[in-house]
């Protein structure tokens, strides 16, 4: 299966919106201490992505 860079961007955008919605839901049900940890983990993941530390979609698809 081959996807275009445009399709990959759409997938990444959708995943980002899902992550934000999950954070909103967690904020509604988790104590503040746990939410703070979740936010720190998300910020760390964003830093790793900006440094190029991520797995390409093609590699994930191969594993599946």
PDB file of N, CA and C in Angstrom:
ATOM      1  N   UNK A   1       0.844  -1.170   0.000  1.00  0.00           N
ATOM      2  CA  UNK A   1       0.000   0.000   0.000  1.00  0.00           C
ATOM      3  C   UNK A   1       0.892   1.237   0.000  1.00  0.00           C
ATOM      4  N   UNK A   2       0.641   2.139  -0.899  1.00  0.00           N
ATOM      5  CA  UNK A   2       1.418   3.366  -1.002  1.00  0.00           C
ATOM      6  C   UNK A   2       0.483   4.549  -0.744  1.00  0.00           C
ATOM      7  N   UNK A   3       0.961   5.469   0.072  1.00  0.00           N
ATOM      8  CA  UNK A   3       0.179   6.679   0.299  1.00  0.00           C
ATOM      9  C   UNK A   3       1.007   7.884  -0.118  1.00  0.00           C
ATOM     10  N   UNK A   4       0.310   8.920  -0.504  1.00  0.00           N
ATOM     11  CA  UNK A   4       0.988  10.139  -0.911  1.00  0.00           C
ATOM     12  C   UNK A   4       1.314  10.977   0.322  1.00  0.00           C
ATOM     13  N   UNK A   5       2.170  11.956   0.131  1.00  0.00           N
ATOM     14  CA  UNK A   5       2.508  12.832   1.251  1.00  0.00           C
ATOM     15  C   UNK A   5       1.282  13.625   1.694  1.00  0.00           C
ATOM     16  N   UNK A   6       0.397  13.931   0.756  1.00  0.00           N
ATOM     17  CA  UNK A   6      -0.834  14.646   1.107  1.00  0.00           C
ATOM     18  C   UNK A   6      -1.717  13.767   1.995  1.00  0.00           C
ATOM     19  N   UNK A   7      -1.823  12.482   1.652  1.00  0.00           N
ATOM     20  CA  UNK A   7      -2.609  11.562   2.467  1.00  0.00           C
ATOM     21  C   UNK A   7      -1.981  11.387   3.844  1.00  0.00           C
ATOM     22  N   UNK A   8      -0.662  11.315   3.898  1.00  0.00           N
ATOM     23  CA  UNK A   8       0.036  11.185   5.178  1.00  0.00           C
ATOM     24  C   UNK A   8      -0.215  12.410   6.048  1.00  0.00           C
ATOM     25  N   UNK A   9      -0.191  13.594   5.436  1.00  0.00           N
ATOM     26  CA  UNK A   9      -0.466  14.816   6.192  1.00  0.00           C
ATOM     27  C   UNK A   9      -1.884  14.803   6.739  1.00  0.00           C
ATOM     28  N   UNK A  10      -2.848  14.356   5.924  1.00  0.00           N
ATOM     29  CA  UNK A  10      -4.229  14.271   6.396  1.00  0.00           C
ATOM     30  C   UNK A  10      -4.343  13.316   7.582  1.00  0.00           C
ATOM     31  N   UNK A  11      -3.637  12.200   7.511  1.00  0.00           N
ATOM     32  CA  UNK A  11      -3.651  11.230   8.605  1.00  0.00           C
ATOM     33  C   UNK A  11      -3.057  11.859   9.862  1.00  0.00           C
ATOM     34  N   UNK A  12      -1.923  12.533   9.720  1.00  0.00           N
ATOM     35  CA  UNK A  12      -1.280  13.162  10.874  1.00  0.00           C
ATOM     36  C   UNK A  12      -2.164  14.255  11.481  1.00  0.00           C
ATOM     37  N   UNK A  13      -2.817  15.037  10.627  1.00  0.00           N
ATOM     38  CA  UNK A  13      -3.723  16.076  11.124  1.00  0.00           C
ATOM     39  C   UNK A  13      -4.878  15.458  11.903  1.00  0.00           C
ATOM     40  N   UNK A  14      -5.412  14.364  11.374  1.00  0.00           N
ATOM     41  CA  UNK A  14      -6.519  13.689  12.055  1.00  0.00           C
ATOM     42  C   UNK A  14      -6.044  13.133  13.396  1.00  0.00           C
ATOM     43  N   UNK A  15      -4.857  12.539  13.434  1.00  0.00           N
ATOM     44  CA  UNK A  15      -4.313  12.017  14.689  1.00  0.00           C
ATOM     45  C   UNK A  15      -4.111  13.135  15.708  1.00  0.00           C
ATOM     46  N   UNK A  16      -3.643  14.287  15.253  1.00  0.00           N
ATOM     47  CA  UNK A  16      -3.474  15.425  16.161  1.00  0.00           C
ATOM     48  C   UNK A  16      -4.808  15.859  16.756  1.00  0.00           C
ATOM     49  N   UNK A  17      -5.848  15.898  15.920  1.00  0.00           N
ATOM     50  CA  UNK A  17      -7.160  16.304  16.439  1.00  0.00           C
ATOM     51  C   UNK A  17      -7.700  15.263  17.414  1.00  0.00           C
ATOM     52  N   UNK A  18      -7.415  13.993  17.164  1.00  0.00           N
ATOM     53  CA  UNK A  18      -7.832  12.941  18.093  1.00  0.00           C
ATOM     54  C   UNK A  18      -7.094  13.083  19.414  1.00  0.00           C
ATOM     55  N   UNK A  19      -5.779  13.367  19.349  1.00  0.00           N
ATOM     56  CA  UNK A  19      -4.991  13.555  20.576  1.00  0.00           C
ATOM     57  C   UNK A  19      -5.540  14.713  21.406  1.00  0.00           C
ATOM     58  N   UNK A  20      -5.873  15.812  20.734  1.00  0.00           N
ATOM     59  CA  UNK A  20      -6.419  16.961  21.460  1.00  0.00           C
ATOM     60  C   UNK A  20      -7.748  16.614  22.121  1.00  0.00           C
ATOM     61  N   UNK A  21      -8.590  15.891  21.412  1.00  0.00           N
ATOM     62  CA  UNK A  21      -9.878  15.499  21.985  1.00  0.00           C
ATOM     63  C   UNK A  21      -9.674  14.574  23.186  1.00  0.00           C
ATOM     64  N   UNK A  22      -8.710  13.652  23.080  1.00  0.00           N
ATOM     65  CA  UNK A  22      -8.413  12.782  24.218  1.00  0.00           C
ATOM     66  C   UNK A  22      -7.935  13.584  25.425  1.00  0.00           C
ATOM     67  N   UNK A  23      -7.113  14.595  25.180  1.00  0.00           N
ATOM     68  CA  UNK A  23      -6.669  15.450  26.288  1.00  0.00           C
ATOM     69  C   UNK A  23      -7.842  16.173  26.935  1.00  0.00           C
ATOM     70  N   UNK A  24      -8.765  16.640  26.118  1.00  0.00           N
ATOM     71  CA  UNK A  24      -9.958  17.311  26.668  1.00  0.00           C
ATOM     72  C   UNK A  24     -10.761  16.343  27.530  1.00  0.00           C
ATOM     73  N   UNK A  25     -10.934  15.122  27.050  1.00  0.00           N
ATOM     74  CA  UNK A  25     -11.683  14.127  27.808  1.00  0.00           C
ATOM     75  C   UNK A  25     -10.970  13.768  29.105  1.00  0.00           C
ATOM     76  N   UNK A  26      -9.655  13.608  29.033  1.00  0.00           N
ATOM     77  CA  UNK A  26      -8.893  13.298  30.242  1.00  0.00           C
ATOM     78  C   UNK A  26      -8.990  14.420  31.250  1.00  0.00           C
ATOM     79  N   UNK A  27      -8.969  15.661  30.755  1.00  0.00           N
ATOM     80  CA  UNK A  27      -9.066  16.812  31.649  1.00  0.00           C
ATOM     81  C   UNK A  27     -10.386  16.785  32.407  1.00  0.00           C
ATOM     82  N   UNK A  28     -11.407  16.250  31.769  1.00  0.00           N
ATOM     83  CA  UNK A  28     -12.720  16.205  32.403  1.00  0.00           C
ATOM     84  C   UNK A  28     -12.812  15.104  33.459  1.00  0.00           C
ATOM     85  N   UNK A  29     -11.988  14.045  33.324  1.00  0.00           N
ATOM     86  CA  UNK A  29     -12.154  12.916  34.239  1.00  0.00           C
ATOM     87  C   UNK A  29     -10.955  12.621  35.130  1.00  0.00           C
ATOM     88  N   UNK A  30      -9.773  13.112  34.801  1.00  0.00           N
ATOM     89  CA  UNK A  30      -8.591  12.814  35.603  1.00  0.00           C
ATOM     90  C   UNK A  30      -8.284  13.932  36.591  1.00  0.00           C
ATOM     91  N   UNK A  31      -7.713  13.560  37.722  1.00  0.00           N
ATOM     92  CA  UNK A  31      -7.248  14.600  38.651  1.00  0.00           C
ATOM     93  C   UNK A  31      -6.161  15.444  37.980  1.00  0.00           C
ATOM     94  N   UNK A  32      -5.984  16.656  38.447  1.00  0.00           N
ATOM     95  CA  UNK A  32      -5.025  17.576  37.835  1.00  0.00           C
ATOM     96  C   UNK A  32      -3.608  17.023  37.802  1.00  0.00           C
ATOM     97  N   UNK A  33      -3.199  16.285  38.833  1.00  0.00           N
ATOM     98  CA  UNK A  33      -1.836  15.760  38.862  1.00  0.00           C
ATOM     99  C   UNK A  33      -1.598  14.817  37.689  1.00  0.00           C
ATOM    100  N   UNK A  34      -2.546  13.925  37.443  1.00  0.00           N
ATOM    101  CA  UNK A  34      -2.403  12.978  36.344  1.00  0.00           C
ATOM    102  C   UNK A  34      -2.460  13.697  34.999  1.00  0.00           C
ATOM    103  N   UNK A  35      -3.293  14.692  34.887  1.00  0.00           N
ATOM    104  CA  UNK A  35      -3.408  15.449  33.651  1.00  0.00           C
ATOM    105  C   UNK A  35      -2.090  16.155  33.350  1.00  0.00           C
ATOM    106  N   UNK A  36      -1.456  16.702  34.375  1.00  0.00           N
ATOM    107  CA  UNK A  36      -0.170  17.372  34.186  1.00  0.00           C
ATOM    108  C   UNK A  36       0.862  16.427  33.598  1.00  0.00           C
ATOM    109  N   UNK A  37       0.861  15.173  34.065  1.00  0.00           N
ATOM    110  CA  UNK A  37       1.794  14.176  33.539  1.00  0.00           C
ATOM    111  C   UNK A  37       1.480  13.872  32.076  1.00  0.00           C
ATOM    112  N   UNK A  38       0.215  13.770  31.743  1.00  0.00           N
ATOM    113  CA  UNK A  38      -0.188  13.507  30.356  1.00  0.00           C
ATOM    114  C   UNK A  38       0.270  14.647  29.440  1.00  0.00           C
ATOM    115  N   UNK A  39       0.108  15.863  29.908  1.00  0.00           N
ATOM    116  CA  UNK A  39       0.516  17.026  29.108  1.00  0.00           C
ATOM    117  C   UNK A  39       2.027  17.027  28.916  1.00  0.00           C
ATOM    118  N   UNK A  40       2.784  16.703  29.961  1.00  0.00           N
ATOM    119  CA  UNK A  40       4.244  16.633  29.845  1.00  0.00           C
ATOM    120  C   UNK A  40       4.658  15.556  28.837  1.00  0.00           C
ATOM    121  N   UNK A  41       3.974  14.416  28.862  1.00  0.00           N
ATOM    122  CA  UNK A  41       4.289  13.352  27.907  1.00  0.00           C
ATOM    123  C   UNK A  41       3.990  13.789  26.470  1.00  0.00           C
ATOM    124  N   UNK A  42       2.885  14.490  26.278  1.00  0.00           N
ATOM    125  CA  UNK A  42       2.541  14.979  24.947  1.00  0.00           C
ATOM    126  C   UNK A  42       3.561  16.008  24.470  1.00  0.00           C
ATOM    127  N   UNK A  43       3.981  16.913  25.356  1.00  0.00           N
ATOM    128  CA  UNK A  43       4.995  17.905  24.990  1.00  0.00           C
ATOM    129  C   UNK A  43       6.314  17.229  24.629  1.00  0.00           C
ATOM    130  N   UNK A  44       6.693  16.185  25.378  1.00  0.00           N
ATOM    131  CA  UNK A  44       7.920  15.449  25.085  1.00  0.00           C
ATOM    132  C   UNK A  44       7.815  14.774  23.717  1.00  0.00           C
ATOM    133  N   UNK A  45       6.665  14.205  23.412  1.00  0.00           N
ATOM    134  CA  UNK A  45       6.468  13.562  22.111  1.00  0.00           C
ATOM    135  C   UNK A  45       6.586  14.582  20.983  1.00  0.00           C
ATOM    136  N   UNK A  46       6.038  15.769  21.181  1.00  0.00           N
ATOM    137  CA  UNK A  46       6.142  16.806  20.159  1.00  0.00           C
ATOM    138  C   UNK A  46       7.603  17.210  19.936  1.00  0.00           C
ATOM    139  N   UNK A  47       8.378  17.296  21.023  1.00  0.00           N
ATOM    140  CA  UNK A  47       9.799  17.618  20.898  1.00  0.00           C
ATOM    141  C   UNK A  47      10.529  16.537  20.105  1.00  0.00           C
ATOM    142  N   UNK A  48      10.227  15.279  20.409  1.00  0.00           N
ATOM    143  CA  UNK A  48      10.871  14.175  19.699  1.00  0.00           C
ATOM    144  C   UNK A  48      10.543  14.220  18.207  1.00  0.00           C
ATOM    145  N   UNK A  49       9.294  14.515  17.887  1.00  0.00           N
ATOM    146  CA  UNK A  49       8.893  14.611  16.475  1.00  0.00           C
ATOM    147  C   UNK A  49       9.657  15.739  15.793  1.00  0.00           C
ATOM    148  N   UNK A  50       9.776  16.883  16.466  1.00  0.00           N
ATOM    149  CA  UNK A  50      10.485  18.021  15.865  1.00  0.00           C
ATOM    150  C   UNK A  50      11.965  17.717  15.647  1.00  0.00           C
ATOM    151  N   UNK A  51      12.510  16.780  16.427  1.00  0.00           N
ATOM    152  CA  UNK A  51      13.914  16.381  16.276  1.00  0.00           C
ATOM    153  C   UNK A  51      14.081  15.234  15.280  1.00  0.00           C
ATOM    154  N   UNK A  52      12.970  14.816  14.678  1.00  0.00           N
ATOM    155  CA  UNK A  52      13.027  13.744  13.690  1.00  0.00           C
ATOM    156  C   UNK A  52      12.974  12.352  14.303  1.00  0.00           C
ATOM    157  N   UNK A  53      12.597  12.269  15.552  1.00  0.00           N
ATOM    158  CA  UNK A  53      12.536  10.975  16.236  1.00  0.00           C
ATOM    159  C   UNK A  53      11.112  10.421  16.136  1.00  0.00           C
ATOM    160  N   UNK A  54      10.826   9.796  15.009  1.00  0.00           N
ATOM    161  CA  UNK A  54       9.499   9.229  14.799  1.00  0.00           C
ATOM    162  C   UNK A  54       9.613   8.046  13.852  1.00  0.00           C
ATOM    163  N   UNK A  55       8.538   7.290  13.755  1.00  0.00           N
ATOM    164  CA  UNK A  55       8.488   6.139  12.863  1.00  0.00           C
ATOM    165  C   UNK A  55       7.641   6.526  11.662  1.00  0.00           C
ATOM    166  N   UNK A  56       8.162   6.250  10.487  1.00  0.00           N
ATOM    167  CA  UNK A  56       7.428   6.588   9.274  1.00  0.00           C
ATOM    168  C   UNK A  56       6.209   5.679   9.133  1.00  0.00           C
ATOM    169  N   UNK A  57       5.149   6.221   8.532  1.00  0.00           N
ATOM    170  CA  UNK A  57       3.913   5.484   8.356  1.00  0.00           C
ATOM    171  C   UNK A  57       4.160   4.202   7.568  1.00  0.00           C
ATOM    172  N   UNK A  58       5.040   4.269   6.569  1.00  0.00           N
ATOM    173  CA  UNK A  58       5.320   3.083   5.757  1.00  0.00           C
ATOM    174  C   UNK A  58       5.872   1.949   6.626  1.00  0.00           C
ATOM    175  N   UNK A  59       6.713   2.307   7.583  1.00  0.00           N
ATOM    176  CA  UNK A  59       7.299   1.296   8.466  1.00  0.00           C
ATOM    177  C   UNK A  59       6.227   0.665   9.349  1.00  0.00           C
ATOM    178  N   UNK A  60       5.305   1.492   9.850  1.00  0.00           N
ATOM    179  CA  UNK A  60       4.215   0.952  10.646  1.00  0.00           C
ATOM    180  C   UNK A  60       3.338   0.021   9.826  1.00  0.00           C
ATOM    181  N   UNK A  61       3.043   0.429   8.612  1.00  0.00           N
ATOM    182  CA  UNK A  61       2.203  -0.393   7.748  1.00  0.00           C
ATOM    183  C   UNK A  61       2.869  -1.722   7.438  1.00  0.00           C
ATOM    184  N   UNK A  62       4.190  -1.720   7.275  1.00  0.00           N
ATOM    185  CA  UNK A  62       4.906  -2.960   7.026  1.00  0.00           C
ATOM    186  C   UNK A  62       4.774  -3.907   8.210  1.00  0.00           C
ATOM    187  N   UNK A  63       4.846  -3.357   9.417  1.00  0.00           N
ATOM    188  CA  UNK A  63       4.735  -4.191  10.609  1.00  0.00           C
ATOM    189  C   UNK A  63       3.347  -4.795  10.752  1.00  0.00           C
ATOM    190  N   UNK A  64       2.338  -4.064  10.306  1.00  0.00           N
ATOM    191  CA  UNK A  64       0.972  -4.570  10.426  1.00  0.00           C
ATOM    192  C   UNK A  64       0.735  -5.632   9.384  1.00  0.00           C
TER     193      UNK A  64
END
